[in-house]
Amino acid sequence: MKFILEYMKKYKIQCLIGPLFKVFEVVFELLVPLIIKNIIDKGIGNNDSSYVKQSVILLIVFAIVGFSCTLLAQYMSAFSAINICSDMREDTFSKVLSFRSKDIDKLGTSRLLTTLTSDINQIQVGINLALRLLLRSPFVVLGAVIMAFTIDMKISLLYVAVVAILAVIIALNFRRSLPAYKAVRSELDNVVTETDDGLNGVRVIRGFTQTDNETKNFKVHTDKLNKLQRASAKITTILNPLTFLIVNLFLCILIYTGAIEFGNGNLSQGEIIALYNYMGQILVELIKLTNLIVQISRALACSNRVSSVIETPVSSVIDTYGASEELLNFNKVSFSYNDDDSYALKDISLSLRKGESIGIIGKTGSGKSTLGALIARSYMPSEGEITYADGTPPKIGYTMQKTRLFSGTVEYNIKLDREDITSEDVDLAIDISCAGDFVKSKDMELTESGKNLSGGQRQRLNIARAVASKPQILILDDASASLDAITENKLIEKINSMTEMSKVIISQKIKSVKNCDKIIVLDEGSIVDCGDHETLLKNSDIYKEMYALQTKEATV
């Protein structure tokens, strides 16, 4: 609740105006049964048509003023809810963009996606309803009880009893519904994850005839979500019928007691109708209040999820870097994804000079991509020190294994709104990445994720994006995996011709790294050998084994 209140401060005037005008509406609404009572007892009872006419005119005025108050209150409530949640969504998105890769891995993309969409939408509905009803409904209930006391003290005790009973029921329901709805939202994240995996991997799933298995896995999560939603619904759905039952029972008691009091001459017909109307107002408002409690419990559960994302600390970032003679220097750097002893990299020491090229090679799972991510500062080391020339991190161009393109032009996908990249830079990047054979125009349109391109074409555009900014260090992580041999050779030749740029080439292919100034051989997260191609062929068993296998494959 405190989290939501912080965002409401900016719109405190609008947040006050909405409930305030709802209170004005309530005042007019509470006076209506008294006017009707007087119409019956004084106007109709005394056959006074002028009094009836004056009272009807007063009711019409009340209706017009009440409508105006309601309209303004509804507008202010909606205005406040929309803008509060717009700010909340903007802050959440900004926080997500500030996360390091490690933070996103911990939270999960599905959780973040649900938070930015469904959770904040639920908060918006909750705020809107709260501003409209949270003050109005209790005010009507309390006002109706007070107005009933002005008519008959004894019968009004019925109103106190019904309100007390329902208040306890609503409080107990609220206490149980909040954790239940938290569980629903958590399982919804799992369903979103399964959906996302299924849609993104649909070709792989079909290719390996795993459709039935994926369908079963999806059904497991949806069944669990269904059970949690049903359990949550059981808690909340009983509120409305239980409220109707209790209030209607008290209405029966009211009518019976009122009839006796009327027979004894203690109540008039108008007073009985006024008491009945006040009980009806209590019924309507308690129904609204029960529905509001359900929505508020959802909004609070969602606000806890949103606040946990915004308040999640960003993984430590080195603000001041040590200086070194080299462009980049790793000194006994270790890294763990889970902040425990399961290191993906251990005691890594390496250096990179300006214009130098380093190849990183190793078997699958040896930590090659993790090392590339550390060089790119996507992750920060768990132990050790990274230093830079003059203590300033260099500009880095980074091509990851998974290519991510967006719907739009080729030029947009290369520039990504980076203002320092000119049209000439885009042309040069297209040439260096060997993308010119299929990119006939920079205005060429790409579909979502670049699905109108082949895998190799997408990889070349990914390389062009990294090269366009003229980085000091270019990191190519398995960037030629989908390229044919001829295109790969041309690409390597053009990359190597960029002598002013330091290059880190990560690959499982020896031919991709053999011309590098220095080649690092990784095995199980550690550097086991380092040297140029000829040196490693003499001294490195792993390198010799990989070379022999790849040479044999090439000659077959």
Protein backbone atom coordinates (compact mmCIF):
# COMPACT_ATOMS: atom_id res chain seq x y z
CA MET A 1 0.00 0.00 0.00
CA LYS A 2 2.85 2.38 0.84
CA PHE A 3 4.28 1.72 -2.64
CA ILE A 4 1.04 2.86 -4.32
CA LEU A 5 0.69 5.88 -2.03
CA GLU A 6 4.12 7.12 -3.14
CA TYR A 7 2.87 7.29 -6.73
CA MET A 8 -0.40 8.92 -5.68
CA LYS A 9 1.44 11.94 -4.22
CA LYS A 10 1.99 13.43 -7.68
CA TYR A 11 -1.77 13.38 -8.32
CA LYS A 12 -2.93 14.07 -4.75
CA ILE A 13 -5.33 16.86 -5.79
CA GLN A 14 -7.11 14.64 -8.33
CA CYS A 15 -7.05 11.75 -5.84
CA LEU A 16 -8.77 13.99 -3.26
CA ILE A 17 -11.30 15.53 -5.64
CA GLY A 18 -12.67 12.12 -6.73
CA PRO A 19 -13.58 10.80 -3.26
CA LEU A 20 -14.65 14.28 -2.07
CA PHE A 21 -17.32 14.61 -4.77
CA LYS A 22 -18.38 11.04 -4.08
CA VAL A 23 -19.06 12.18 -0.49
CA PHE A 24 -21.19 15.07 -1.83
CA GLU A 25 -23.13 12.53 -3.88
CA VAL A 26 -23.62 10.37 -0.78
CA VAL A 27 -25.03 13.32 1.21
CA PHE A 28 -27.73 13.89 -1.40
CA GLU A 29 -28.40 10.14 -1.58
CA LEU A 30 -28.88 9.85 2.18
CA LEU A 31 -31.34 12.74 2.22
CA VAL A 32 -33.60 11.16 -0.42
CA PRO A 33 -35.31 8.60 1.91
CA LEU A 34 -36.10 11.41 4.37
CA ILE A 35 -37.68 13.49 1.61
CA ILE A 36 -39.72 10.47 0.48
CA LYS A 37 -40.77 9.88 4.10
CA ASN A 38 -42.05 13.46 4.31
CA ILE A 39 -43.81 13.16 0.95
CA ILE A 40 -45.70 10.11 2.25
CA ASP A 41 -46.41 11.38 5.77
CA LYS A 42 -46.90 15.10 5.15
CA GLY A 43 -47.75 15.42 1.47
CA ILE A 44 -49.83 12.35 0.65
CA GLY A 45 -51.02 11.86 4.25
CA ASN A 46 -52.32 15.44 4.46
CA ASN A 47 -53.39 15.56 0.79
CA ASP A 48 -50.98 18.51 0.28
CA SER A 49 -50.21 18.49 -3.47
CA SER A 50 -48.06 21.64 -3.31
CA TYR A 51 -45.77 20.01 -0.73
CA VAL A 52 -45.48 16.93 -2.93
CA LYS A 53 -44.64 19.10 -5.94
CA GLN A 54 -41.96 21.05 -4.03
CA SER A 55 -40.44 17.81 -2.74
CA VAL A 56 -40.34 16.26 -6.23
CA ILE A 57 -38.60 19.39 -7.58
CA LEU A 58 -36.07 19.08 -4.73
CA LEU A 59 -35.49 15.42 -5.67
CA ILE A 60 -34.86 16.43 -9.29
CA VAL A 61 -32.33 19.05 -8.15
CA PHE A 62 -30.64 16.43 -5.97
CA ALA A 63 -30.52 14.05 -8.94
CA ILE A 64 -28.88 16.67 -11.23
CA VAL A 65 -26.35 17.79 -8.62
CA GLY A 66 -25.62 14.16 -7.65
CA PHE A 67 -25.10 13.23 -11.31
CA SER A 68 -22.66 16.14 -11.76
CA CYS A 69 -20.73 15.12 -8.65
CA THR A 70 -20.61 11.50 -9.81
CA LEU A 71 -19.41 12.47 -13.29
CA LEU A 72 -16.58 14.62 -11.93
CA ALA A 73 -15.61 11.98 -9.36
CA GLN A 74 -15.53 9.21 -11.98
CA TYR A 75 -13.38 11.32 -14.30
CA MET A 76 -10.88 12.26 -11.58
CA SER A 77 -10.65 8.66 -10.38
CA ALA A 78 -10.00 7.33 -13.88
CA PHE A 79 -7.53 10.16 -14.62
CA SER A 80 -5.59 9.45 -11.43
CA ALA A 81 -5.51 5.66 -11.90
CA ILE A 82 -4.35 5.88 -15.52
CA ASN A 83 -1.58 8.39 -14.84
CA ILE A 84 -0.38 6.71 -11.64
CA CYS A 85 -0.04 3.36 -13.40
CA SER A 86 1.53 5.01 -16.44
CA ASP A 87 4.25 6.42 -14.18
CA MET A 88 4.57 3.08 -12.43
CA ARG A 89 4.95 1.23 -15.74
CA GLU A 90 7.53 3.74 -16.95
CA ASP A 91 9.58 3.40 -13.75
CA THR A 92 9.35 -0.39 -13.88
CA PHE A 93 10.46 -0.48 -17.51
CA SER A 94 13.35 1.90 -16.77
CA LYS A 95 14.40 -0.32 -13.87
CA VAL A 96 14.29 -3.40 -16.09
CA LEU A 97 16.53 -1.65 -18.62
CA SER A 98 19.00 -0.86 -15.82
CA PHE A 99 19.25 -4.52 -14.78
CA ARG A 100 22.35 -6.49 -15.53
CA SER A 101 21.91 -9.80 -17.33
CA LYS A 102 22.28 -11.58 -13.99
CA ASP A 103 19.32 -9.67 -12.52
CA ILE A 104 17.08 -10.56 -15.45
CA ASP A 105 18.16 -14.21 -15.18
CA LYS A 106 17.11 -14.24 -11.51
CA LEU A 107 13.73 -12.56 -11.99
CA GLY A 108 12.87 -14.24 -15.28
CA THR A 109 11.58 -12.57 -18.42
CA SER A 110 8.08 -14.02 -17.94
CA ARG A 111 7.84 -12.47 -14.47
CA LEU A 112 8.95 -9.10 -15.85
CA LEU A 113 6.52 -9.33 -18.77
CA THR A 114 3.58 -10.15 -16.48
CA THR A 115 4.59 -7.35 -14.12
CA LEU A 116 4.71 -4.72 -16.86
CA THR A 117 1.34 -5.73 -18.32
CA SER A 118 -1.17 -7.69 -16.27
CA ASP A 119 0.01 -6.71 -12.77
CA ILE A 120 0.00 -2.97 -13.44
CA ASN A 121 -3.39 -3.24 -15.19
CA GLN A 122 -4.80 -4.88 -12.06
CA ILE A 123 -3.37 -2.06 -9.94
CA GLN A 124 -5.00 0.50 -12.25
CA VAL A 125 -8.42 -1.13 -11.83
CA GLY A 126 -7.89 -1.33 -8.06
CA ILE A 127 -6.94 2.36 -7.73
CA ASN A 128 -9.87 3.46 -9.89
CA LEU A 129 -12.38 1.49 -7.83
CA ALA A 130 -10.78 2.49 -4.53
CA LEU A 131 -11.01 6.21 -5.31
CA ARG A 132 -14.62 5.81 -6.30
CA LEU A 133 -15.88 3.43 -3.62
CA LEU A 134 -13.43 3.10 -0.73
CA LEU A 135 -14.75 6.28 0.90
CA ARG A 136 -18.24 6.25 -0.59
CA SER A 137 -19.37 2.78 0.49
CA PRO A 138 -18.38 3.06 4.19
CA PHE A 139 -19.78 6.60 4.24
CA VAL A 140 -23.15 5.40 2.88
CA VAL A 141 -23.24 2.49 5.33
CA LEU A 142 -22.34 4.67 8.31
CA GLY A 143 -24.63 7.47 7.13
CA ALA A 144 -27.55 5.08 6.68
CA VAL A 145 -27.09 3.79 10.21
CA ILE A 146 -26.99 7.34 11.61
CA MET A 147 -30.05 8.38 9.60
CA ALA A 148 -31.88 5.29 10.86
CA PHE A 149 -31.10 6.37 14.46
CA THR A 150 -32.81 9.71 13.76
CA ILE A 151 -35.97 7.79 12.89
CA ASP A 152 -36.08 5.02 15.50
CA MET A 153 -33.40 4.17 18.08
CA LYS A 154 -34.59 0.62 18.79
CA ILE A 155 -34.86 -0.59 15.20
CA SER A 156 -31.56 1.07 14.32
CA LEU A 157 -29.76 -1.52 16.45
CA LEU A 158 -30.54 -3.96 13.62
CA TYR A 159 -28.42 -1.81 11.33
CA VAL A 160 -25.52 -1.87 13.79
CA ALA A 161 -25.74 -5.66 14.03
CA VAL A 162 -25.80 -6.28 10.27
CA VAL A 163 -22.88 -3.92 9.65
CA ALA A 164 -20.79 -5.48 12.45
CA ILE A 165 -21.39 -9.04 11.21
CA LEU A 166 -20.55 -8.21 7.61
CA ALA A 167 -17.48 -6.19 8.62
CA VAL A 168 -16.03 -9.26 10.34
CA ILE A 169 -16.82 -11.47 7.32
CA ILE A 170 -15.21 -9.01 4.89
CA ALA A 171 -12.09 -8.64 7.05
CA LEU A 172 -11.61 -12.42 7.29
CA ASN A 173 -12.16 -12.78 3.56
CA PHE A 174 -9.61 -10.10 2.78
CA ARG A 175 -7.05 -11.79 5.01
CA ARG A 176 -7.43 -15.08 3.15
CA SER A 177 -7.76 -13.73 -0.39
CA LEU A 178 -4.47 -11.79 -0.50
CA PRO A 179 -2.08 -14.79 -0.22
CA ALA A 180 -4.34 -16.84 -2.49
CA TYR A 181 -4.14 -14.26 -5.23
CA LYS A 182 -0.35 -13.99 -4.82
CA ALA A 183 -0.13 -17.71 -5.56
CA VAL A 184 -2.31 -17.23 -8.66
CA ARG A 185 -0.04 -14.49 -10.03
CA SER A 186 3.06 -16.58 -9.37
CA GLU A 187 1.67 -19.56 -11.28
CA LEU A 188 0.59 -17.23 -14.08
CA ASP A 189 4.29 -16.44 -14.57
CA ASN A 190 4.92 -20.14 -15.17
CA VAL A 191 2.12 -20.32 -17.73
CA VAL A 192 3.57 -17.29 -19.55
CA THR A 193 6.99 -18.98 -19.54
CA GLU A 194 5.54 -22.16 -21.05
CA THR A 195 3.65 -20.13 -23.65
CA ASP A 196 6.72 -18.11 -24.59
CA ASP A 197 8.91 -21.22 -24.85
CA GLY A 198 6.30 -22.98 -26.95
CA LEU A 199 5.85 -20.12 -29.40
CA ASN A 200 9.56 -19.37 -29.78
CA GLY A 201 10.54 -23.02 -30.08
CA VAL A 202 7.61 -24.22 -32.17
CA ARG A 203 9.83 -25.32 -35.08
CA VAL A 204 12.16 -27.30 -32.82
CA ILE A 205 9.21 -28.84 -31.00
CA ARG A 206 7.62 -29.99 -34.25
CA GLY A 207 10.95 -31.03 -35.74
CA PHE A 208 11.60 -33.41 -32.83
CA THR A 209 7.93 -34.48 -32.60
CA GLN A 210 7.61 -33.12 -29.07
CA THR A 211 4.23 -31.49 -29.58
CA ASP A 212 2.44 -33.96 -27.31
CA ASN A 213 5.01 -33.59 -24.52
CA GLU A 214 4.89 -29.79 -24.68
CA THR A 215 1.10 -29.91 -24.66
CA LYS A 216 1.21 -32.09 -21.54
CA ASN A 217 3.66 -29.73 -19.82
CA PHE A 218 1.47 -26.76 -20.69
CA LYS A 219 -1.59 -28.58 -19.38
CA VAL A 220 0.17 -29.31 -16.07
CA HIS A 221 0.76 -25.60 -15.49
CA THR A 222 -2.69 -24.51 -16.68
CA ASP A 223 -4.34 -27.16 -14.47
CA LYS A 224 -2.36 -25.91 -11.49
CA LEU A 225 -3.32 -22.32 -12.34
CA ASN A 226 -6.93 -23.44 -12.67
CA LYS A 227 -6.86 -25.05 -9.21
CA LEU A 228 -5.33 -21.95 -7.64
CA GLN A 229 -7.88 -19.70 -9.34
CA ARG A 230 -10.74 -21.91 -8.21
CA ALA A 231 -9.40 -21.91 -4.66
CA SER A 232 -9.10 -18.12 -4.80
CA ALA A 233 -12.60 -17.86 -6.28
CA LYS A 234 -14.08 -20.00 -3.51
CA ILE A 235 -12.81 -17.47 -0.99
CA THR A 236 -14.23 -14.45 -2.78
CA THR A 237 -17.37 -15.69 -4.54
CA ILE A 238 -19.11 -16.54 -1.26
CA LEU A 239 -19.01 -12.87 -0.23
CA ASN A 240 -21.83 -11.58 -2.45
CA PRO A 241 -24.41 -14.32 -1.73
CA LEU A 242 -23.52 -14.26 1.97
CA THR A 243 -23.99 -10.48 2.04
CA PHE A 244 -27.34 -10.80 0.25
CA LEU A 245 -28.44 -13.52 2.67
CA ILE A 246 -27.55 -11.61 5.84
CA VAL A 247 -28.99 -8.27 4.69
CA ASN A 248 -32.20 -9.86 3.37
CA LEU A 249 -32.65 -11.72 6.65
CA PHE A 250 -32.35 -8.43 8.48
CA LEU A 251 -34.78 -6.86 5.97
CA CYS A 252 -37.32 -9.49 6.92
CA ILE A 253 -36.73 -8.74 10.59
CA LEU A 254 -37.01 -5.00 9.84
CA ILE A 255 -40.33 -5.39 8.02
CA TYR A 256 -41.72 -7.60 10.78
CA THR A 257 -40.55 -5.28 13.56
CA GLY A 258 -41.67 -2.20 11.60
CA ALA A 259 -45.15 -3.66 11.14
CA ILE A 260 -45.46 -4.21 14.87
CA GLU A 261 -44.24 -0.68 15.65
CA PHE A 262 -46.65 0.73 13.03
CA GLY A 263 -49.53 -1.20 14.63
CA ASN A 264 -48.54 0.25 18.01
CA GLY A 265 -48.49 3.75 16.53
CA ASN A 266 -44.75 4.21 17.10
CA LEU A 267 -43.82 4.44 13.38
CA SER A 268 -45.51 6.03 10.39
CA GLN A 269 -45.73 4.55 6.90
CA GLY A 270 -43.13 7.03 5.62
CA GLU A 271 -40.71 6.12 8.41
CA ILE A 272 -41.00 2.40 7.64
CA ILE A 273 -40.29 3.06 3.94
CA ALA A 274 -37.34 5.30 4.87
CA LEU A 275 -35.91 2.58 7.13
CA TYR A 276 -36.39 0.03 4.35
CA ASN A 277 -34.62 2.32 1.87
CA TYR A 278 -31.69 2.82 4.24
CA MET A 279 -31.34 -0.95 4.65
CA GLY A 280 -31.45 -1.26 0.85
CA GLN A 281 -28.67 1.33 0.56
CA ILE A 282 -26.60 -0.64 3.03
CA LEU A 283 -27.17 -3.81 0.98
CA VAL A 284 -26.09 -2.20 -2.30
CA GLU A 285 -23.03 -0.55 -0.79
CA LEU A 286 -21.88 -3.67 1.04
CA ILE A 287 -22.12 -5.61 -2.23
CA LYS A 288 -19.98 -2.92 -3.86
CA LEU A 289 -17.60 -3.01 -0.91
CA THR A 290 -17.18 -6.79 -1.09
CA ASN A 291 -16.36 -6.56 -4.81
CA LEU A 292 -13.98 -3.70 -4.02
CA ILE A 293 -12.22 -5.77 -1.36
CA VAL A 294 -11.69 -8.56 -3.92
CA GLN A 295 -10.18 -6.13 -6.42
CA ILE A 296 -8.08 -4.35 -3.79
CA SER A 297 -6.64 -7.69 -2.64
CA ARG A 298 -5.65 -8.37 -6.25
CA ALA A 299 -4.20 -4.89 -6.67
CA LEU A 300 -2.18 -5.18 -3.44
CA ALA A 301 -0.82 -8.58 -4.46
CA CYS A 302 0.20 -7.12 -7.81
CA SER A 303 1.68 -4.00 -6.22
CA ASN A 304 3.91 -6.20 -4.07
CA ARG A 305 5.17 -7.87 -7.24
CA VAL A 306 5.77 -4.55 -9.01
CA SER A 307 7.49 -3.00 -6.00
CA SER A 308 9.73 -6.05 -5.63
CA VAL A 309 10.94 -5.50 -9.21
CA ILE A 310 11.51 -1.76 -8.75
CA GLU A 311 13.21 -2.30 -5.37
CA THR A 312 15.40 -5.15 -6.61
CA PRO A 313 18.98 -3.92 -6.32
CA VAL A 314 20.94 -3.90 -9.55
CA SER A 315 23.92 -6.24 -9.47
CA SER A 316 27.05 -4.45 -8.41
CA VAL A 317 28.57 -2.32 -11.13
CA ILE A 318 32.13 -1.07 -10.96
CA ASP A 319 31.86 2.73 -11.11
CA THR A 320 35.59 3.37 -10.94
CA TYR A 321 37.83 0.99 -12.82
CA GLY A 322 41.47 0.44 -12.12
CA ALA A 323 43.86 1.65 -14.80
CA SER A 324 46.12 -0.67 -16.76
CA GLU A 325 48.53 -0.37 -19.64
CA GLU A 326 46.42 -2.71 -21.73
CA LEU A 327 43.04 -1.79 -23.21
CA LEU A 328 41.54 -4.55 -21.05
CA ASN A 329 42.99 -6.68 -18.25
CA PHE A 330 41.45 -9.54 -16.27
CA ASN A 331 43.21 -10.37 -12.99
CA LYS A 332 42.13 -13.71 -11.44
CA VAL A 333 38.49 -13.17 -12.36
CA SER A 334 35.91 -15.76 -11.29
CA PHE A 335 32.18 -15.76 -11.96
CA SER A 336 29.15 -17.67 -10.68
CA TYR A 337 25.60 -17.29 -11.97
CA ASN A 338 24.12 -18.32 -8.62
CA ASP A 339 26.45 -16.44 -6.27
CA ASP A 340 27.74 -19.71 -4.85
CA ASP A 341 30.73 -22.01 -5.36
CA SER A 342 29.47 -23.34 -8.71
CA TYR A 343 31.78 -21.17 -10.80
CA ALA A 344 31.22 -20.90 -14.54
CA LEU A 345 34.67 -19.26 -14.79
CA LYS A 346 37.56 -19.60 -12.35
CA ASP A 347 40.80 -17.58 -11.99
CA ILE A 348 40.74 -16.03 -15.47
CA SER A 349 43.71 -13.76 -16.21
CA LEU A 350 44.12 -12.23 -19.66
CA SER A 351 44.93 -8.94 -21.35
CA LEU A 352 43.96 -7.27 -24.61
CA ARG A 353 45.95 -4.51 -26.30
CA LYS A 354 44.69 -1.94 -28.78
CA GLY A 355 44.30 -3.50 -32.24
CA GLU A 356 45.01 -6.99 -30.93
CA SER A 357 42.79 -9.96 -31.76
CA ILE A 358 42.07 -12.75 -29.29
CA GLY A 359 40.42 -16.03 -30.11
CA ILE A 360 38.53 -17.95 -27.42
CA ILE A 361 37.94 -21.62 -28.13
CA GLY A 362 36.88 -24.66 -26.17
CA LYS A 363 34.41 -27.48 -25.94
CA THR A 364 30.70 -26.91 -25.37
CA GLY A 365 30.08 -25.67 -21.81
CA SER A 366 33.66 -24.57 -21.24
CA GLY A 367 32.57 -20.98 -20.45
CA LYS A 368 33.35 -19.22 -23.76
CA SER A 369 30.13 -17.18 -23.96
CA THR A 370 30.29 -16.35 -20.24
CA LEU A 371 33.77 -14.91 -20.73
CA GLY A 372 32.50 -12.86 -23.68
CA ALA A 373 29.64 -11.54 -21.53
CA LEU A 374 32.12 -10.49 -18.81
CA ILE A 375 34.28 -8.67 -21.35
CA ALA A 376 31.13 -6.92 -22.62
CA ARG A 377 30.17 -6.03 -19.00
CA SER A 378 26.83 -7.83 -19.33
CA TYR A 379 27.86 -9.61 -16.14
CA MET A 380 30.19 -8.45 -13.39
CA PRO A 381 32.81 -10.75 -11.84
CA SER A 382 32.09 -12.54 -8.58
CA GLU A 383 35.78 -12.36 -7.68
CA GLY A 384 38.88 -10.75 -9.11
CA GLU A 385 39.48 -7.44 -10.85
CA ILE A 386 38.92 -6.01 -14.32
CA THR A 387 40.95 -2.94 -15.27
CA TYR A 388 40.99 -0.70 -18.33
CA ALA A 389 43.34 1.76 -19.97
CA ASP A 390 43.04 5.13 -18.16
CA GLY A 391 40.47 3.47 -15.89
CA THR A 392 37.74 4.03 -18.49
CA PRO A 393 35.72 1.12 -19.96
CA PRO A 394 36.10 1.04 -23.77
CA LYS A 395 33.22 1.17 -26.24
CA ILE A 396 32.22 -2.39 -27.02
CA GLY A 397 30.35 -3.97 -29.93
CA TYR A 398 28.86 -7.31 -28.92
CA THR A 399 27.26 -9.97 -31.11
CA MET A 400 25.61 -12.66 -29.03
CA GLN A 401 24.83 -16.20 -30.14
CA LYS A 402 21.12 -15.52 -30.43
CA THR A 403 20.37 -12.87 -33.04
CA ARG A 404 17.62 -10.41 -32.12
CA LEU A 405 16.11 -8.34 -34.92
CA PHE A 406 13.01 -6.14 -34.88
CA SER A 407 10.28 -5.29 -37.35
CA GLY A 408 11.42 -2.23 -39.30
CA THR A 409 14.05 -1.27 -41.85
CA VAL A 410 17.56 -2.67 -42.12
CA GLU A 411 18.93 0.77 -41.21
CA TYR A 412 16.82 0.93 -38.05
CA ASN A 413 17.96 -2.56 -36.99
CA ILE A 414 21.60 -1.54 -37.41
CA LYS A 415 21.38 1.92 -35.83
CA LEU A 416 18.79 1.17 -33.12
CA ASP A 417 18.24 4.94 -32.70
CA ARG A 418 21.90 5.52 -31.78
CA GLU A 419 22.41 9.11 -32.83
CA ASP A 420 26.20 8.82 -33.16
CA ILE A 421 25.86 6.33 -36.05
CA THR A 422 25.67 7.99 -39.48
CA SER A 423 24.28 6.63 -42.72
CA GLU A 424 27.86 6.17 -43.94
CA ASP A 425 28.62 4.08 -40.84
CA VAL A 426 25.65 1.85 -41.73
CA ASP A 427 26.95 1.40 -45.29
CA LEU A 428 30.42 0.47 -44.00
CA ALA A 429 28.96 -1.97 -41.46
CA ILE A 430 26.89 -3.67 -44.17
CA ASP A 431 30.02 -4.06 -46.28
CA ILE A 432 32.21 -5.41 -43.45
CA SER A 433 29.54 -7.90 -42.36
CA CYS A 434 29.14 -9.19 -45.93
CA ALA A 435 25.44 -8.32 -45.79
CA GLY A 436 25.51 -6.41 -49.07
CA ASP A 437 24.65 -9.48 -51.17
CA PHE A 438 21.10 -9.57 -49.77
CA VAL A 439 20.60 -6.00 -48.50
CA LYS A 440 19.75 -4.11 -51.66
CA SER A 441 18.55 -1.04 -49.76
CA LYS A 442 18.85 0.23 -46.20
CA ASP A 443 15.08 0.81 -46.37
CA MET A 444 14.47 -2.90 -46.84
CA GLU A 445 11.73 -3.93 -44.39
CA LEU A 446 12.21 -6.78 -41.94
CA THR A 447 9.37 -8.69 -40.34
CA GLU A 448 9.19 -9.47 -36.62
CA SER A 449 12.47 -11.09 -35.45
CA GLY A 450 13.73 -10.89 -39.04
CA LYS A 451 11.78 -14.00 -40.01
CA ASN A 452 11.94 -13.05 -43.70
CA LEU A 453 15.71 -13.65 -43.56
CA SER A 454 17.75 -16.83 -43.23
CA GLY A 455 19.78 -17.58 -40.12
CA GLY A 456 23.03 -16.55 -41.79
CA GLN A 457 21.53 -13.29 -43.05
CA ARG A 458 20.30 -12.44 -39.56
CA GLN A 459 23.75 -13.16 -38.15
CA ARG A 460 25.39 -10.80 -40.64
CA LEU A 461 22.99 -7.98 -39.72
CA ASN A 462 23.78 -8.69 -36.07
CA ILE A 463 27.48 -8.24 -36.86
CA ALA A 464 26.73 -5.04 -38.82
CA ARG A 465 24.91 -3.65 -35.76
CA ALA A 466 27.99 -4.26 -33.58
CA VAL A 467 30.46 -2.85 -36.14
CA ALA A 468 28.43 0.29 -36.96
CA SER A 469 29.27 2.07 -33.70
CA LYS A 470 33.01 1.73 -34.43
CA PRO A 471 33.75 0.06 -31.08
CA GLN A 472 37.16 -0.18 -29.51
CA ILE A 473 36.54 -3.87 -28.81
CA LEU A 474 34.45 -6.06 -31.10
CA ILE A 475 33.17 -9.30 -29.54
CA LEU A 476 31.95 -11.97 -31.96
CA ASP A 477 30.34 -14.85 -30.06
CA ASP A 478 29.96 -17.74 -32.51
CA ALA A 479 28.95 -15.09 -35.04
CA SER A 480 29.71 -17.22 -38.10
CA ALA A 481 27.92 -20.40 -36.98
CA SER A 482 25.21 -20.10 -39.66
CA LEU A 483 27.47 -18.91 -42.48
CA ASP A 484 28.70 -20.95 -45.38
CA ALA A 485 32.46 -21.44 -45.73
CA ILE A 486 32.91 -18.84 -48.51
CA THR A 487 30.99 -16.10 -46.68
CA GLU A 488 32.73 -16.96 -43.40
CA ASN A 489 36.18 -16.60 -44.99
CA LYS A 490 35.23 -13.24 -46.52
CA LEU A 491 33.85 -12.07 -43.15
CA ILE A 492 36.97 -13.10 -41.23
CA GLU A 493 39.17 -11.39 -43.79
CA LYS A 494 37.22 -8.12 -43.52
CA ILE A 495 37.10 -8.26 -39.72
CA ASN A 496 40.86 -8.81 -39.55
CA SER A 497 41.43 -5.84 -41.86
CA MET A 498 40.05 -3.52 -39.14
CA THR A 499 43.45 -3.05 -37.50
CA GLU A 500 42.43 -0.18 -35.18
CA MET A 501 39.77 -2.29 -33.52
CA SER A 502 40.57 -4.94 -30.91
CA LYS A 503 38.71 -8.17 -31.56
CA VAL A 504 37.54 -11.03 -29.37
CA ILE A 505 36.42 -13.95 -31.53
CA ILE A 506 34.58 -16.74 -29.68
CA SER A 507 34.09 -19.92 -31.68
CA GLN A 508 34.20 -23.69 -31.73
CA LYS A 509 35.79 -23.56 -35.18
CA ILE A 510 39.56 -23.34 -35.26
CA LYS A 511 39.52 -21.74 -38.72
CA SER A 512 37.62 -18.79 -37.22
CA VAL A 513 40.36 -18.05 -34.67
CA LYS A 514 43.56 -19.44 -36.22
CA ASN A 515 44.71 -16.02 -37.48
CA CYS A 516 44.21 -14.29 -34.11
CA ASP A 517 47.26 -12.84 -32.37
CA LYS A 518 46.48 -14.95 -29.33
CA ILE A 519 44.16 -17.92 -28.80
CA ILE A 520 42.82 -18.85 -25.36
CA VAL A 521 41.75 -22.47 -24.81
CA LEU A 522 39.06 -22.89 -22.14
CA ASP A 523 38.10 -26.11 -20.39
CA GLU A 524 35.55 -26.36 -17.56
CA GLY A 525 35.72 -22.62 -16.90
CA SER A 526 39.50 -22.31 -16.70
CA ILE A 527 42.22 -21.26 -19.13
CA VAL A 528 44.25 -24.39 -19.87
CA ASP A 529 46.37 -23.11 -22.77
CA CYS A 530 47.20 -19.83 -24.48
CA GLY A 531 49.27 -18.94 -27.53
CA ASP A 532 49.09 -18.53 -31.30
CA HIS A 533 47.87 -21.25 -33.66
CA GLU A 534 51.25 -22.86 -34.25
CA THR A 535 52.19 -22.88 -30.57
CA LEU A 536 48.91 -24.50 -29.54
CA LEU A 537 49.25 -27.18 -32.22
CA LYS A 538 52.50 -28.18 -30.53
CA ASN A 539 51.61 -27.78 -26.85
CA SER A 540 47.82 -28.04 -26.33
CA ASP A 541 46.22 -31.49 -26.30
CA ILE A 542 42.67 -30.09 -26.41
CA TYR A 543 43.52 -27.76 -29.31
CA LYS A 544 45.27 -30.54 -31.23
CA GLU A 545 42.29 -32.85 -30.71
CA MET A 546 39.81 -30.22 -31.95
CA TYR A 547 42.04 -29.39 -34.91
CA ALA A 548 42.39 -33.04 -35.88
CA LEU A 549 38.65 -33.64 -35.73
CA GLN A 550 37.77 -30.48 -37.68
CA THR A 551 40.45 -31.11 -40.30
CA LYS A 552 39.18 -34.65 -40.75
CA GLU A 553 35.60 -33.41 -41.12
CA ALA A 554 36.71 -30.85 -43.70
CA THR A 555 38.42 -33.49 -45.85
CA VAL A 556 35.59 -36.04 -45.72
